[in-house]
């Protein structure tokens, strides 16, 4: 369902160094409701990719699971990653892990990759009092939060994004 860009979306791409001669590939995420898409831009100079995700319906982590956002912020500051901690106020829960494990409350804050996250990926394991928190970062941006053995977080995530077992 390719569509045209609004001037605002085009300005985001221009700011990233792409112009009108760049080739755009628009694809909609299969789980999206509306206004939720990914754009890959291939510029004329070599192969440069830029993914722009608009998640209009995705809830802010700080609004729906504020205790997790606060715990993450505290742990990231202790781990001397204040730049990563600053992202938490604007972080959205885009999708959840579909593994079906009872202890898993992991979720994505960016579109799922087709395969591995690729260059610039790193894991940050945080020292928690209970359970496990592991962040996936791509170029220092949070793209996935692995949450294990935290039942209260799983209950809240189940209300936000129910896991339908097939």
Protein backbone atom coordinates (compact mmCIF):
# COMPACT_ATOMS: atom_id res chain seq x y z
CA UNK A 1 0.00 0.00 0.00
CA UNK A 2 2.55 2.62 -1.02
CA UNK A 3 1.44 6.17 -0.44
CA UNK A 4 2.81 9.67 -0.71
CA UNK A 5 4.68 11.45 2.04
CA UNK A 6 3.41 14.48 3.79
CA UNK A 7 5.80 17.40 3.90
CA UNK A 8 6.58 16.61 7.54
CA UNK A 9 7.64 13.05 6.75
CA UNK A 10 9.69 14.27 3.78
CA UNK A 11 11.46 16.77 6.06
CA UNK A 12 12.49 13.91 8.39
CA UNK A 13 14.11 12.17 5.43
CA UNK A 14 15.76 15.38 4.21
CA UNK A 15 17.26 15.92 7.65
CA UNK A 16 18.81 12.44 7.38
CA UNK A 17 20.52 13.38 4.11
CA UNK A 18 18.07 12.04 1.55
CA UNK A 19 16.60 14.07 -1.29
CA UNK A 20 13.89 13.77 -3.93
CA UNK A 21 16.14 11.66 -6.16
CA UNK A 22 16.40 8.98 -3.46
CA UNK A 23 14.38 5.85 -4.12
CA UNK A 24 11.76 5.18 -1.42
CA UNK A 25 10.35 1.80 -0.49
CA UNK A 26 7.29 1.94 1.74
CA UNK A 27 6.06 -1.14 3.59
CA UNK A 28 3.42 -1.52 6.25
CA UNK A 29 4.04 -3.65 9.32
CA UNK A 30 1.70 -6.68 9.37
CA UNK A 31 0.61 -6.02 12.95
CA UNK A 32 -0.11 -2.33 12.47
CA UNK A 33 -3.54 -0.77 12.68
CA UNK A 34 -3.14 2.50 10.81
CA UNK A 35 -0.49 5.15 10.25
CA UNK A 36 2.20 2.66 11.18
CA UNK A 37 4.80 1.99 8.53
CA UNK A 38 8.47 1.62 7.72
CA UNK A 39 10.27 3.45 4.96
CA UNK A 40 13.57 2.30 3.48
CA UNK A 41 15.39 4.90 1.48
CA UNK A 42 18.10 3.99 -1.00
CA UNK A 43 20.08 7.03 -2.05
CA UNK A 44 21.94 7.39 -5.31
CA UNK A 45 25.34 7.32 -3.56
CA UNK A 46 26.07 3.68 -2.85
CA UNK A 47 23.54 1.86 -0.74
CA UNK A 48 22.43 3.86 2.26
CA UNK A 49 19.41 2.73 4.20
CA UNK A 50 17.27 4.79 6.51
CA UNK A 51 14.31 3.33 8.34
CA UNK A 52 11.62 5.71 9.53
CA UNK A 53 8.95 4.20 11.72
CA UNK A 54 5.79 6.03 12.71
CA UNK A 55 3.93 4.36 15.54
CA UNK A 56 0.84 6.48 16.10
CA UNK A 57 -0.98 3.86 18.16
CA UNK A 58 1.96 2.53 20.18
CA UNK A 59 1.71 3.47 23.88
CA UNK A 60 4.50 5.27 25.69
CA UNK A 61 6.33 3.01 28.14
CA UNK A 62 6.34 5.73 30.80
CA UNK A 63 2.52 5.99 30.61
CA UNK A 64 1.62 2.30 30.71
CA UNK A 65 4.40 0.73 32.81
CA UNK A 66 5.90 3.68 34.70
CA UNK A 67 7.60 1.53 37.35
CA UNK A 68 9.61 -0.29 34.65
CA UNK A 69 10.57 3.01 33.01
CA UNK A 70 11.76 4.35 36.37
CA UNK A 71 13.71 1.16 37.17
CA UNK A 72 15.36 1.24 33.75
CA UNK A 73 16.28 4.91 34.15
CA UNK A 74 17.86 4.29 37.56
CA UNK A 75 19.79 1.23 36.36
CA UNK A 76 21.03 2.96 33.19
CA UNK A 77 22.34 5.92 35.17
CA UNK A 78 24.11 3.51 37.56
CA UNK A 79 25.57 1.71 34.52
CA UNK A 80 26.89 5.09 33.32
CA UNK A 81 24.62 5.19 30.26
CA UNK A 82 22.76 8.47 30.83
CA UNK A 83 22.35 9.05 27.06
CA UNK A 84 20.41 5.80 26.80
CA UNK A 85 18.39 6.67 29.93
CA UNK A 86 17.25 9.93 28.31
CA UNK A 87 15.37 7.94 25.63
CA UNK A 88 12.93 6.41 28.12
CA UNK A 89 10.49 9.33 28.26
CA UNK A 90 9.74 9.00 24.52
CA UNK A 91 10.03 5.20 24.23
CA UNK A 92 7.01 3.42 22.75
CA UNK A 93 5.99 -0.23 23.07
CA UNK A 94 5.66 -1.16 19.41
CA UNK A 95 5.27 -4.95 19.66
CA UNK A 96 5.99 -7.78 22.05
CA UNK A 97 7.97 -10.98 21.97
CA UNK A 98 5.82 -13.85 20.67
CA UNK A 99 7.83 -16.72 22.24
CA UNK A 100 4.95 -17.68 24.55
CA UNK A 101 7.20 -18.39 27.56
CA UNK A 102 5.42 -17.73 30.87
CA UNK A 103 8.33 -15.69 32.26
CA UNK A 104 8.79 -13.48 29.17
CA UNK A 105 7.54 -9.88 29.10
CA UNK A 106 9.96 -8.68 26.42
CA UNK A 107 8.92 -6.03 23.91
CA UNK A 108 10.12 -4.07 20.91
CA UNK A 109 10.52 -0.32 20.82
CA UNK A 110 11.27 -0.32 17.09
CA UNK A 111 10.18 -2.50 14.19
CA UNK A 112 11.37 -6.09 14.44
CA UNK A 113 14.31 -6.81 12.15
CA UNK A 114 14.21 -9.39 9.40
CA UNK A 115 16.90 -11.53 11.02
CA UNK A 116 19.68 -9.99 13.13
CA UNK A 117 19.81 -6.34 14.19
CA UNK A 118 22.97 -5.85 12.13
CA UNK A 119 25.87 -3.42 12.49
CA UNK A 120 25.89 -1.22 15.57
CA UNK A 121 24.00 -3.76 17.72
CA UNK A 122 24.94 -4.33 21.35
CA UNK A 123 23.36 -5.87 24.45
CA UNK A 124 23.30 -4.17 27.83
CA UNK A 125 22.49 -6.42 30.77
CA UNK A 126 21.33 -4.47 33.81
CA UNK A 127 21.80 -5.52 37.45
CA UNK A 128 18.28 -5.82 38.82
CA UNK A 129 17.09 -6.84 42.28
CA UNK A 130 14.69 -9.35 40.74
CA UNK A 131 14.25 -10.80 37.28
CA UNK A 132 16.32 -9.88 34.24
CA UNK A 133 16.49 -6.74 32.10
CA UNK A 134 18.56 -6.80 28.92
CA UNK A 135 18.47 -3.99 26.37
CA UNK A 136 19.17 -4.34 22.68
CA UNK A 137 20.72 -1.15 21.36
CA UNK A 138 21.42 -0.27 17.73
CA UNK A 139 23.75 2.72 17.46
CA UNK A 140 22.94 3.50 21.13
CA UNK A 141 19.16 3.59 20.46
CA UNK A 142 16.91 1.21 22.43
CA UNK A 143 15.18 -1.16 20.00
CA UNK A 144 14.18 -4.06 22.28
CA UNK A 145 13.86 -4.65 26.02
CA UNK A 146 14.10 -8.21 27.26
CA UNK A 147 12.15 -8.57 30.50
CA UNK A 148 12.24 -11.96 32.21
CA UNK A 149 10.83 -13.21 35.52
CA UNK A 150 8.90 -10.03 36.35
CA UNK A 151 5.29 -11.19 36.73
CA UNK A 152 3.83 -7.74 37.46
CA UNK A 153 5.33 -6.34 34.25
CA UNK A 154 4.04 -9.33 32.25
CA UNK A 155 0.50 -8.76 33.59
CA UNK A 156 0.55 -5.13 32.46
CA UNK A 157 2.04 -6.03 29.07
CA UNK A 158 -0.64 -8.70 28.59
CA UNK A 159 -3.30 -6.00 29.02
CA UNK A 160 -1.61 -3.64 26.56
CA UNK A 161 -0.64 -6.22 23.89
CA UNK A 162 -2.34 -9.56 24.54
CA UNK A 163 -0.43 -12.62 23.40
CA UNK A 164 -2.70 -14.81 21.29
CA UNK A 165 -1.39 -18.37 21.37
CA UNK A 166 -2.23 -20.37 18.29
